[in-house]
C-alpha cells in the first residue's frame, strides 16, 4: 500500500488555527482564555463511510444494477468509486494521521454472500484485514452490516418484502460476526433503518415515483424476476415489519458473538420544528421514525445521523426560509440541528448516543469548517447537560459516490482525484483532526 498523503503546510496551518480558536486561543498570540473541559478519554472521534460509496465495483449488489439499467434515477454509475476496496489501508492510515481514533465503515453483504447460502471466505478475510488495519492504526472499528445495499439475488426475490428475509439477513449477520466479531468495537444492523420513511415524507417523493417504478421494473427484467425491491425505495406496508424482524434477529445473532461490543440502531434524524398553531410536527415525527425509535430503545445505543432541520406548519413540511443558506445538496445549512436531535434521541430511547453521521455537502470548505464548529458546540452543550454522548463520526472521510447524485456532491474531508484516486486532505480535515487530537469540543 502507498503511504497516506502528506498533509500540506496550508491545511495544517488552517486546521490548527481553527482548533486554537475553539479552545479560546489565537494562533498568533498564544494566550488562552478558560479552556473547554476535556472530554472523557474514551470519546470517539472519527469519520463514517459506506462500502458501496467508497469501495468500487460492487457488481453483485442491487444498487450496481439500478445504476446501470435504463431508465435509472441514478445520475451516473459508481464504477470504481474511491477504489477503497484496494486502498483501505491508505485511508485508515490517513484517518489516524489526521488524529481520529474511530472509523465507521460497512461490510458489504453482496460481496460476502454473492449467491444465496454461498459465503465467500476470501471476502470475509478482506474485511478481517480492514479491521486489523484499524487496530494497527489505533482506530476503533465501527461496523455497519447493511448500508442500504443488498445482494442482487436478495432484491430480485423481493428483498424485505419476502417472508424469508429476516432469517436470511440474520444468517448473514451470524456468519459475518463469527469471522469478524472479535475485532469489532461497535456495530449496527442497518444504516438509517428509517430511510424509506424519510424519502417518502418529503414533498418531492411523488414526483420521482414514476421513475423509481420504471427503474425497479428494469432491474426486475434484467434479473429475470417478477419484481425487484430496494431498501431505499421500499414499499413499507410490505417490507417494514420484515425489516424490523430482520433487525431483531440479526441483533441477537451479533450479540451472541464472538466479541463483546455494543450493537445499536442508526436513525436518520432531522430537527423537526413546528411552526404556528395546528402544525403537523408530531405527525411528521411519527411518519419519519415509525417503529425505529422503539427498536433503538431496546438496543445498546442509538446512532444519530443528522444534517439539517425540517420545519412543519399546519399544511406540512415547509421549504427552507427565504434567504436561508443552502448546501450543495439543496438542504438548509443548519448545523444546530444536531444538538436538537441528540436531545430527542437520548430522551426518546434512554440510551447512550453516538453521532454516527453529521456533515455537509459543499465545495466551499470554509463552510464545512463553520458547520463542524457549530455542530460540535451543540454536542458540547448536550454533554454539559449530562447527556451520555460517546462519539462524533463525521460524514465523510472521502468525497465519494453520493447515491443517486453520483459524484457531484462532495461531503468529504478528503478530496479524491477521479482518475488517479489520489487523496488530498482539505483544511477541514486537519481542523477536525486537531480538535479530535486535543479531545475538545
Protein backbone atom coordinates (compact mmCIF):
# COMPACT_ATOMS: atom_id res chain seq x y z
CA UNK A 1 0.00 0.00 0.00
CA UNK A 2 1.11 3.57 -0.62
CA UNK A 3 1.67 5.85 2.32
CA UNK A 4 -1.08 8.23 3.35
CA UNK A 5 -0.75 11.57 1.53
CA UNK A 6 1.36 14.17 3.28
CA UNK A 7 -0.55 16.99 4.93
CA UNK A 8 0.41 20.28 3.33
CA UNK A 9 1.51 23.27 5.36
CA UNK A 10 -1.57 25.11 4.13
CA UNK A 11 -4.01 22.54 5.51
CA UNK A 12 -2.04 22.11 8.72
CA UNK A 13 -1.97 25.84 9.45
CA UNK A 14 -5.67 26.18 8.63
CA UNK A 15 -6.60 23.28 10.85
CA UNK A 16 -4.51 24.37 13.82
CA UNK A 17 -5.79 27.92 13.56
CA UNK A 18 -9.35 26.63 13.74
CA UNK A 19 -8.78 24.38 16.73
CA UNK A 20 -6.91 27.12 18.54
CA UNK A 21 -9.95 29.35 18.18
CA UNK A 22 -12.23 26.67 19.61
CA UNK A 23 -10.27 26.46 22.85
CA UNK A 24 -10.04 30.20 23.30
CA UNK A 25 -6.54 30.79 21.91
CA UNK A 26 -5.46 32.88 18.96
CA UNK A 27 -2.70 31.25 16.93
CA UNK A 28 -0.73 34.46 16.84
CA UNK A 29 -0.74 35.42 20.50
CA UNK A 30 -0.71 32.03 22.17
CA UNK A 31 -2.70 33.48 25.08
CA UNK A 32 -5.54 31.29 26.31
CA UNK A 33 -8.83 32.04 27.94
CA UNK A 34 -10.51 29.42 30.09
CA UNK A 35 -10.30 26.20 28.02
CA UNK A 36 -13.18 23.87 27.38
CA UNK A 37 -13.44 20.89 29.69
CA UNK A 38 -11.71 17.83 28.22
CA UNK A 39 -13.97 15.01 27.15
CA UNK A 40 -13.76 11.52 28.61
CA UNK A 41 -10.74 9.62 27.35
CA UNK A 42 -12.92 7.05 25.60
CA UNK A 43 -14.80 9.57 23.44
CA UNK A 44 -14.75 8.50 19.79
CA UNK A 45 -13.68 10.96 17.12
CA UNK A 46 -13.78 9.73 13.57
CA UNK A 47 -15.42 9.58 10.20
CA UNK A 48 -18.14 7.46 8.64
CA UNK A 49 -18.12 5.73 5.25
CA UNK A 50 -20.25 3.21 3.37
CA UNK A 51 -18.94 0.20 1.49
CA UNK A 52 -20.76 0.82 -1.78
CA UNK A 53 -19.90 4.52 -1.82
CA UNK A 54 -16.14 4.10 -1.50
CA UNK A 55 -15.09 0.54 -2.40
CA UNK A 56 -15.94 0.44 -6.10
CA UNK A 57 -17.11 -2.35 -8.43
CA UNK A 58 -19.72 -3.74 -6.08
CA UNK A 59 -21.12 -5.67 -9.01
CA UNK A 60 -23.26 -8.18 -7.11
CA UNK A 61 -25.31 -5.51 -5.35
CA UNK A 62 -28.78 -4.25 -6.15
CA UNK A 63 -27.55 -0.68 -6.49
CA UNK A 64 -24.96 -1.59 -9.10
CA UNK A 65 -27.74 -2.94 -11.27
CA UNK A 66 -30.02 0.03 -10.59
CA UNK A 67 -27.24 2.43 -11.58
CA UNK A 68 -26.74 0.72 -14.92
CA UNK A 69 -30.25 -0.08 -16.18
CA UNK A 70 -32.34 2.36 -18.20
CA UNK A 71 -34.24 4.26 -17.08
CA UNK A 72 -32.43 5.00 -13.83
CA UNK A 73 -32.79 7.56 -11.08
CA UNK A 74 -29.01 7.47 -10.66
CA UNK A 75 -27.25 10.32 -12.46
CA UNK A 76 -24.14 8.19 -13.03
CA UNK A 77 -22.84 4.75 -12.04
CA UNK A 78 -20.50 4.17 -9.10
CA UNK A 79 -17.88 2.24 -11.15
CA UNK A 80 -14.55 2.38 -9.26
CA UNK A 81 -15.88 4.77 -6.57
CA UNK A 82 -12.79 5.71 -4.48
CA UNK A 83 -11.17 2.30 -5.04
CA UNK A 84 -11.12 1.89 -1.27
CA UNK A 85 -11.55 -1.86 -1.65
CA UNK A 86 -7.86 -1.84 -2.58
CA UNK A 87 -6.80 1.38 -0.83
CA UNK A 88 -8.41 0.82 2.57
CA UNK A 89 -5.08 0.75 4.39
CA UNK A 90 -4.13 4.12 2.90
CA UNK A 91 -7.48 5.56 4.01
CA UNK A 92 -7.20 4.16 7.52
CA UNK A 93 -3.63 5.40 7.89
CA UNK A 94 -4.72 8.84 6.72
CA UNK A 95 -7.61 8.95 9.21
CA UNK A 96 -5.23 8.04 12.02
CA UNK A 97 -2.66 10.62 10.85
CA UNK A 98 -5.35 13.29 10.95
CA UNK A 99 -5.96 12.49 14.63
CA UNK A 100 -9.03 10.26 14.69
CA UNK A 101 -9.50 7.21 16.92
CA UNK A 102 -12.58 5.57 15.36
CA UNK A 103 -13.60 4.57 11.85
CA UNK A 104 -17.13 3.65 10.76
CA UNK A 105 -17.42 1.51 7.64
CA UNK A 106 -19.63 -1.15 6.08
CA UNK A 107 -19.14 -4.82 5.36
CA UNK A 108 -20.77 -5.50 2.01
CA UNK A 109 -23.35 -8.28 2.12
CA UNK A 110 -23.33 -8.54 -1.68
CA UNK A 111 -19.63 -9.43 -1.63
CA UNK A 112 -19.79 -11.77 1.36
CA UNK A 113 -22.83 -13.75 0.13
CA UNK A 114 -22.84 -13.32 -3.67
CA UNK A 115 -25.32 -16.19 -4.11
CA UNK A 116 -27.91 -17.46 -1.60
CA UNK A 117 -26.17 -19.51 1.06
CA UNK A 118 -22.78 -19.28 -0.69
CA UNK A 119 -20.38 -17.33 1.53
CA UNK A 120 -17.01 -16.05 0.37
CA UNK A 121 -14.21 -16.74 2.83
CA UNK A 122 -11.95 -14.52 0.71
CA UNK A 123 -14.27 -11.54 1.18
CA UNK A 124 -14.62 -12.20 4.91
CA UNK A 125 -10.82 -12.30 5.07
CA UNK A 126 -10.75 -8.96 3.26
CA UNK A 127 -12.90 -7.31 5.91
CA UNK A 128 -10.84 -9.00 8.60
CA UNK A 129 -7.78 -7.25 7.14
CA UNK A 130 -9.66 -3.94 7.15
CA UNK A 131 -10.36 -4.34 10.86
CA UNK A 132 -6.80 -5.42 11.57
CA UNK A 133 -5.62 -2.25 9.82
CA UNK A 134 -7.95 -0.18 12.01
CA UNK A 135 -6.50 -1.72 15.16
CA UNK A 136 -2.96 -1.32 13.87
CA UNK A 137 -3.55 2.41 13.42
CA UNK A 138 -5.41 2.92 16.69
CA UNK A 139 -8.91 3.25 15.19
CA UNK A 140 -11.94 1.58 16.76
CA UNK A 141 -13.79 -0.36 14.00
CA UNK A 142 -17.47 0.67 13.98
CA UNK A 143 -19.24 -1.70 11.60
CA UNK A 144 -22.46 -1.37 9.60
CA UNK A 145 -23.86 -4.71 8.44
CA UNK A 146 -26.03 -3.23 5.69
CA UNK A 147 -25.65 0.34 4.44
CA UNK A 148 -28.71 0.35 2.12
CA UNK A 149 -27.27 -2.11 -0.41
CA UNK A 150 -28.24 -5.79 -0.52
CA UNK A 151 -27.19 -8.67 -2.79
CA UNK A 152 -28.77 -8.61 -6.22
CA UNK A 153 -30.31 -12.05 -5.63
CA UNK A 154 -31.95 -10.79 -2.42
CA UNK A 155 -33.51 -7.78 -4.16
CA UNK A 156 -34.69 -9.99 -7.02
CA UNK A 157 -36.53 -12.31 -4.64
CA UNK A 158 -38.40 -9.31 -3.22
CA UNK A 159 -35.94 -8.03 -0.63
CA UNK A 160 -37.55 -7.37 2.73
CA UNK A 161 -40.97 -7.93 1.20
CA UNK A 162 -40.20 -11.66 1.21
CA UNK A 163 -41.25 -13.69 4.24
CA UNK A 164 -37.82 -15.35 4.46
CA UNK A 165 -35.91 -12.05 4.50
CA UNK A 166 -35.50 -11.76 8.31
CA UNK A 167 -33.92 -15.20 8.56
CA UNK A 168 -31.69 -14.57 5.55
CA UNK A 169 -30.35 -11.31 6.93
CA UNK A 170 -29.80 -12.89 10.33
CA UNK A 171 -27.91 -15.75 8.67
CA UNK A 172 -25.57 -13.25 7.03
CA UNK A 173 -25.11 -11.39 10.33
CA UNK A 174 -24.30 -14.62 12.16
CA UNK A 175 -21.76 -15.72 9.55
CA UNK A 176 -20.07 -12.32 9.38
CA UNK A 177 -19.90 -12.00 13.16
CA UNK A 178 -18.38 -15.46 13.52
CA UNK A 179 -15.45 -14.29 11.40
CA UNK A 180 -15.19 -10.62 12.35
CA UNK A 181 -16.83 -10.13 15.74
CA UNK A 182 -13.67 -10.39 17.82
CA UNK A 183 -12.28 -7.24 16.20
CA UNK A 184 -15.41 -5.06 16.28
CA UNK A 185 -15.69 -2.10 18.64
CA UNK A 186 -19.36 -1.39 17.87
CA UNK A 187 -21.90 -2.30 15.21
CA UNK A 188 -25.30 -1.50 13.78
CA UNK A 189 -27.53 -3.79 11.77
CA UNK A 190 -28.86 -1.25 9.27
CA UNK A 191 -27.74 2.22 8.31
CA UNK A 192 -30.64 4.63 8.76
CA UNK A 193 -33.22 1.89 9.01
CA UNK A 194 -35.92 4.54 8.55
CA UNK A 195 -34.53 5.90 5.27
CA UNK A 196 -37.53 4.87 3.15
CA UNK A 197 -39.80 6.76 5.56
CA UNK A 198 -37.60 9.85 5.28
CA UNK A 199 -37.75 9.75 1.49
CA UNK A 200 -41.49 9.14 1.33
CA UNK A 201 -42.39 12.00 3.64
CA UNK A 202 -40.54 14.55 1.52
CA UNK A 203 -42.63 16.75 -0.78
CA UNK A 204 -40.52 15.64 -3.76
CA UNK A 205 -41.38 11.95 -3.29
CA UNK A 206 -44.44 11.94 -5.54
CA UNK A 207 -42.52 13.48 -8.41
CA UNK A 208 -39.93 10.71 -8.56
CA UNK A 209 -42.35 7.79 -8.09
CA UNK A 210 -42.83 7.03 -11.82
CA UNK A 211 -39.08 6.94 -12.46
CA UNK A 212 -38.47 4.76 -9.39
CA UNK A 213 -41.12 2.27 -10.57
CA UNK A 214 -39.65 2.20 -14.08
CA UNK A 215 -36.12 1.69 -12.74
CA UNK A 216 -37.16 -1.18 -10.47
CA UNK A 217 -39.09 -2.76 -13.33
CA UNK A 218 -35.97 -2.58 -15.49
CA UNK A 219 -33.97 -4.20 -12.68
CA UNK A 220 -36.54 -6.99 -12.41
CA UNK A 221 -36.37 -7.61 -16.14
CA UNK A 222 -32.57 -7.69 -16.09
CA UNK A 223 -32.71 -10.14 -13.18
CA UNK A 224 -35.28 -12.39 -14.80
CA UNK A 225 -37.53 -11.92 -11.78
CA UNK A 226 -41.11 -10.83 -11.26
CA UNK A 227 -40.09 -7.96 -9.01
CA UNK A 228 -37.14 -6.10 -7.57
CA UNK A 229 -37.16 -4.40 -4.17
CA UNK A 230 -34.91 -1.68 -2.78
CA UNK A 231 -34.27 -0.63 0.81
CA UNK A 232 -34.07 2.98 -0.30
CA UNK A 233 -37.39 2.93 -2.16
CA UNK A 234 -39.18 0.32 -0.08
CA UNK A 235 -42.88 -0.48 -0.18
CA UNK A 236 -43.25 0.00 3.58
CA UNK A 237 -46.58 -1.82 4.08
CA UNK A 238 -44.96 -4.90 2.54
CA UNK A 239 -41.44 -4.63 3.91
CA UNK A 240 -41.13 -2.74 7.18
CA UNK A 241 -42.38 -5.43 9.55
CA UNK A 242 -39.95 -7.87 7.96
CA UNK A 243 -37.08 -5.41 8.21
CA UNK A 244 -37.83 -4.80 11.88
CA UNK A 245 -37.82 -8.55 12.47
CA UNK A 246 -34.60 -8.85 10.46
CA UNK A 247 -33.01 -6.28 12.76
CA UNK A 248 -34.18 -8.13 15.86
CA UNK A 249 -32.87 -11.49 14.67
CA UNK A 250 -29.59 -10.02 13.46
CA UNK A 251 -29.16 -8.10 16.73
CA UNK A 252 -29.42 -11.38 18.65
CA UNK A 253 -27.03 -13.11 16.25
CA UNK A 254 -24.43 -10.36 16.58
CA UNK A 255 -24.75 -10.21 20.37
CA UNK A 256 -24.15 -13.97 20.52
CA UNK A 257 -20.59 -13.21 19.45
CA UNK A 258 -17.79 -13.80 19.29
CA UNK A 259 -16.79 -10.39 20.61
CA UNK A 260 -18.27 -8.18 23.29
CA UNK A 261 -19.29 -4.81 21.86
CA UNK A 262 -22.36 -2.56 21.74
CA UNK A 263 -24.88 -3.07 18.95
CA UNK A 264 -27.18 -0.23 18.08
CA UNK A 265 -29.65 1.29 15.65
CA UNK A 266 -28.68 4.25 13.48
CA UNK A 267 -31.53 6.56 12.53
CA UNK A 268 -31.83 9.39 10.03
CA UNK A 269 -32.88 12.27 12.25
CA UNK A 270 -33.94 15.79 11.44
CA UNK A 271 -34.60 18.62 13.86
CA UNK A 272 -38.38 18.67 13.33
CA UNK A 273 -39.63 22.13 14.25
CA UNK A 274 -43.31 23.01 14.49
CA UNK A 275 -44.27 26.39 13.04
CA UNK A 276 -47.51 28.10 14.09
CA UNK A 277 -50.75 26.79 15.54
CA UNK A 278 -52.04 23.45 14.37
CA UNK A 279 -48.69 22.43 12.94
CA UNK A 280 -48.16 18.79 11.99
CA UNK A 281 -44.76 18.34 13.62
CA UNK A 282 -45.94 15.36 15.68
CA UNK A 283 -47.38 13.68 12.59
CA UNK A 284 -44.17 14.20 10.64
CA UNK A 285 -42.12 12.87 13.56
CA UNK A 286 -44.17 9.67 13.64
CA UNK A 287 -44.02 9.37 9.85
CA UNK A 288 -40.21 9.69 9.79
CA UNK A 289 -39.33 7.42 12.70
CA UNK A 290 -42.09 4.82 12.76
CA UNK A 291 -41.01 1.74 14.77
CA UNK A 292 -37.30 2.54 14.86
CA UNK A 293 -37.16 4.70 17.97
CA UNK A 294 -38.68 1.80 19.90
CA UNK A 295 -36.08 -0.55 18.41
CA UNK A 296 -33.28 1.81 19.42
CA UNK A 297 -34.65 1.85 22.95
CA UNK A 298 -34.08 -1.91 23.08
CA UNK A 299 -30.55 -1.74 21.64
CA UNK A 300 -27.25 -0.80 23.29
CA UNK A 301 -27.07 2.68 21.75
CA UNK A 302 -28.77 4.99 19.30
CA UNK A 303 -26.80 6.32 16.34
CA UNK A 304 -27.87 9.87 15.48
CA UNK A 305 -27.44 10.84 11.82
CA UNK A 306 -28.34 14.48 11.29
CA UNK A 307 -27.72 17.09 8.61
CA UNK A 308 -30.42 19.76 8.85
CA UNK A 309 -33.82 20.71 10.22
CA UNK A 310 -37.37 20.22 8.94
CA UNK A 311 -39.92 22.97 9.54
CA UNK A 312 -43.58 21.92 9.62
CA UNK A 313 -46.70 24.06 9.72
CA UNK A 314 -50.40 23.14 9.54
CA UNK A 315 -50.06 22.19 5.86
CA UNK A 316 -46.98 20.01 6.20
CA UNK A 317 -43.26 20.34 5.51
CA UNK A 318 -42.12 23.83 4.56
CA UNK A 319 -39.32 24.82 2.19
CA UNK A 320 -36.24 26.45 3.73
CA UNK A 321 -36.84 30.02 4.92
CA UNK A 322 -36.45 32.73 2.31
CA UNK A 323 -32.84 33.79 2.10
CA UNK A 324 -31.54 30.80 4.10
CA UNK A 325 -28.13 29.46 3.16
CA UNK A 326 -28.42 26.16 1.31
CA UNK A 327 -25.83 23.43 0.97
CA UNK A 328 -24.81 21.92 -2.35
CA UNK A 329 -27.23 19.10 -1.57
CA UNK A 330 -30.11 21.59 -1.53
CA UNK A 331 -30.99 21.45 2.15
CA UNK A 332 -30.70 24.29 4.65
CA UNK A 333 -27.33 24.98 6.27
CA UNK A 334 -28.39 24.39 9.85
CA UNK A 335 -25.73 22.68 12.00
CA UNK A 336 -27.68 23.44 15.17
CA UNK A 337 -29.98 20.58 14.20
CA UNK A 338 -27.52 18.12 15.71
CA UNK A 339 -27.97 19.34 19.27
CA UNK A 340 -31.75 19.07 18.97
CA UNK A 341 -31.65 15.51 17.61
CA UNK A 342 -29.18 14.32 20.22
CA UNK A 343 -31.51 15.62 22.93
CA UNK A 344 -34.51 13.99 21.27
CA UNK A 345 -32.76 10.64 20.76
CA UNK A 346 -31.46 10.49 24.33
CA UNK A 347 -34.86 11.34 25.82
CA UNK A 348 -36.87 9.08 23.50
CA UNK A 349 -34.65 6.00 23.86
CA UNK A 350 -32.90 6.37 27.21
CA UNK A 351 -29.76 5.01 25.55
CA UNK A 352 -26.21 6.31 25.05
CA UNK A 353 -25.82 8.39 21.90
CA UNK A 354 -23.19 8.16 19.20
CA UNK A 355 -23.28 10.72 16.41
CA UNK A 356 -22.72 8.23 13.60
CA UNK A 357 -23.14 10.78 10.79
CA UNK A 358 -23.10 14.57 10.55
CA UNK A 359 -21.75 16.70 7.77
CA UNK A 360 -22.33 18.96 4.80
CA UNK A 361 -22.21 18.73 1.03
CA UNK A 362 -20.29 21.77 -0.20
CA UNK A 363 -17.46 22.86 -2.47
CA UNK A 364 -16.61 25.70 -0.06
CA UNK A 365 -14.50 24.09 2.63
CA UNK A 366 -14.72 27.17 4.85
CA UNK A 367 -18.43 26.44 5.21
CA UNK A 368 -17.60 22.84 6.20
CA UNK A 369 -15.33 24.17 8.95
CA UNK A 370 -18.08 26.52 10.12
CA UNK A 371 -20.63 23.71 10.05
CA UNK A 372 -18.38 21.43 12.09
CA UNK A 373 -17.72 24.06 14.74
CA UNK A 374 -21.38 24.96 15.18
CA UNK A 375 -22.44 21.30 15.25
CA UNK A 376 -19.79 20.43 17.84
CA UNK A 377 -20.90 23.34 20.01
CA UNK A 378 -24.25 21.57 20.21
CA UNK A 379 -22.60 18.29 21.18
CA UNK A 380 -20.72 20.17 23.90
CA UNK A 381 -23.96 21.67 25.23
CA UNK A 382 -25.57 18.22 25.39
CA UNK A 383 -22.64 16.75 27.30
CA UNK A 384 -22.59 19.71 29.68
CA UNK A 385 -26.24 18.95 30.43
CA UNK A 386 -25.39 15.38 31.36
CA UNK A 387 -26.47 13.63 28.15
CA UNK A 388 -24.44 10.48 27.51
CA UNK A 389 -22.84 11.26 24.14
CA UNK A 390 -19.97 8.91 23.41
CA UNK A 391 -18.66 9.85 20.00
CA UNK A 392 -18.77 12.05 16.90
CA UNK A 393 -18.24 10.41 13.50
CA UNK A 394 -18.26 12.91 10.64
CA UNK A 395 -19.70 12.15 7.23
CA UNK A 396 -17.49 11.55 5.44
CA UNK A 397 -13.79 10.80 5.25
CA UNK A 398 -13.75 10.91 1.44
CA UNK A 399 -15.56 12.65 -1.36
CA UNK A 400 -17.44 9.62 -2.63
CA UNK A 401 -20.34 8.24 -4.65
CA UNK A 402 -23.34 10.11 -3.27
CA UNK A 403 -26.02 7.63 -4.36
CA UNK A 404 -28.48 9.00 -6.94
CA UNK A 405 -26.47 12.22 -7.22
CA UNK A 406 -23.28 10.46 -8.30
CA UNK A 407 -20.02 12.31 -7.72
CA UNK A 408 -21.38 15.85 -7.98
CA UNK A 409 -21.91 16.34 -4.24
CA UNK A 410 -18.86 16.43 -2.01
CA UNK A 411 -19.21 15.60 1.68
CA UNK A 412 -15.62 14.52 2.27
CA UNK A 413 -12.91 15.90 4.49
CA UNK A 414 -10.54 14.50 1.87
CA UNK A 415 -10.84 15.01 -1.86
CA UNK A 416 -10.28 12.08 -4.25
CA UNK A 417 -8.98 12.51 -7.78
CA UNK A 418 -11.38 10.59 -10.02
CA UNK A 419 -8.59 9.42 -12.36
CA UNK A 420 -5.61 8.74 -10.07
CA UNK A 421 -7.50 8.22 -6.76
CA UNK A 422 -5.01 10.50 -5.02
CA UNK A 423 -6.29 11.56 -1.62
CA UNK A 424 -5.82 15.21 -0.64
CA UNK A 425 -6.90 16.36 2.85
CA UNK A 426 -8.86 19.59 2.91
CA UNK A 427 -8.34 22.25 5.61
CA UNK A 428 -11.50 20.93 7.28
CA UNK A 429 -9.84 17.52 7.69
CA UNK A 430 -6.96 18.97 9.64
CA UNK A 431 -9.30 21.27 11.55
CA UNK A 432 -11.50 18.43 12.79
CA UNK A 433 -8.49 16.19 13.29
CA UNK A 434 -6.83 18.77 15.51
CA UNK A 435 -9.95 19.01 17.64
CA UNK A 436 -10.00 15.23 17.86
CA UNK A 437 -6.36 15.08 18.90
CA UNK A 438 -6.99 17.69 21.59
CA UNK A 439 -10.15 15.80 22.64
CA UNK A 440 -12.05 19.06 23.00
CA UNK A 441 -15.46 20.11 21.75
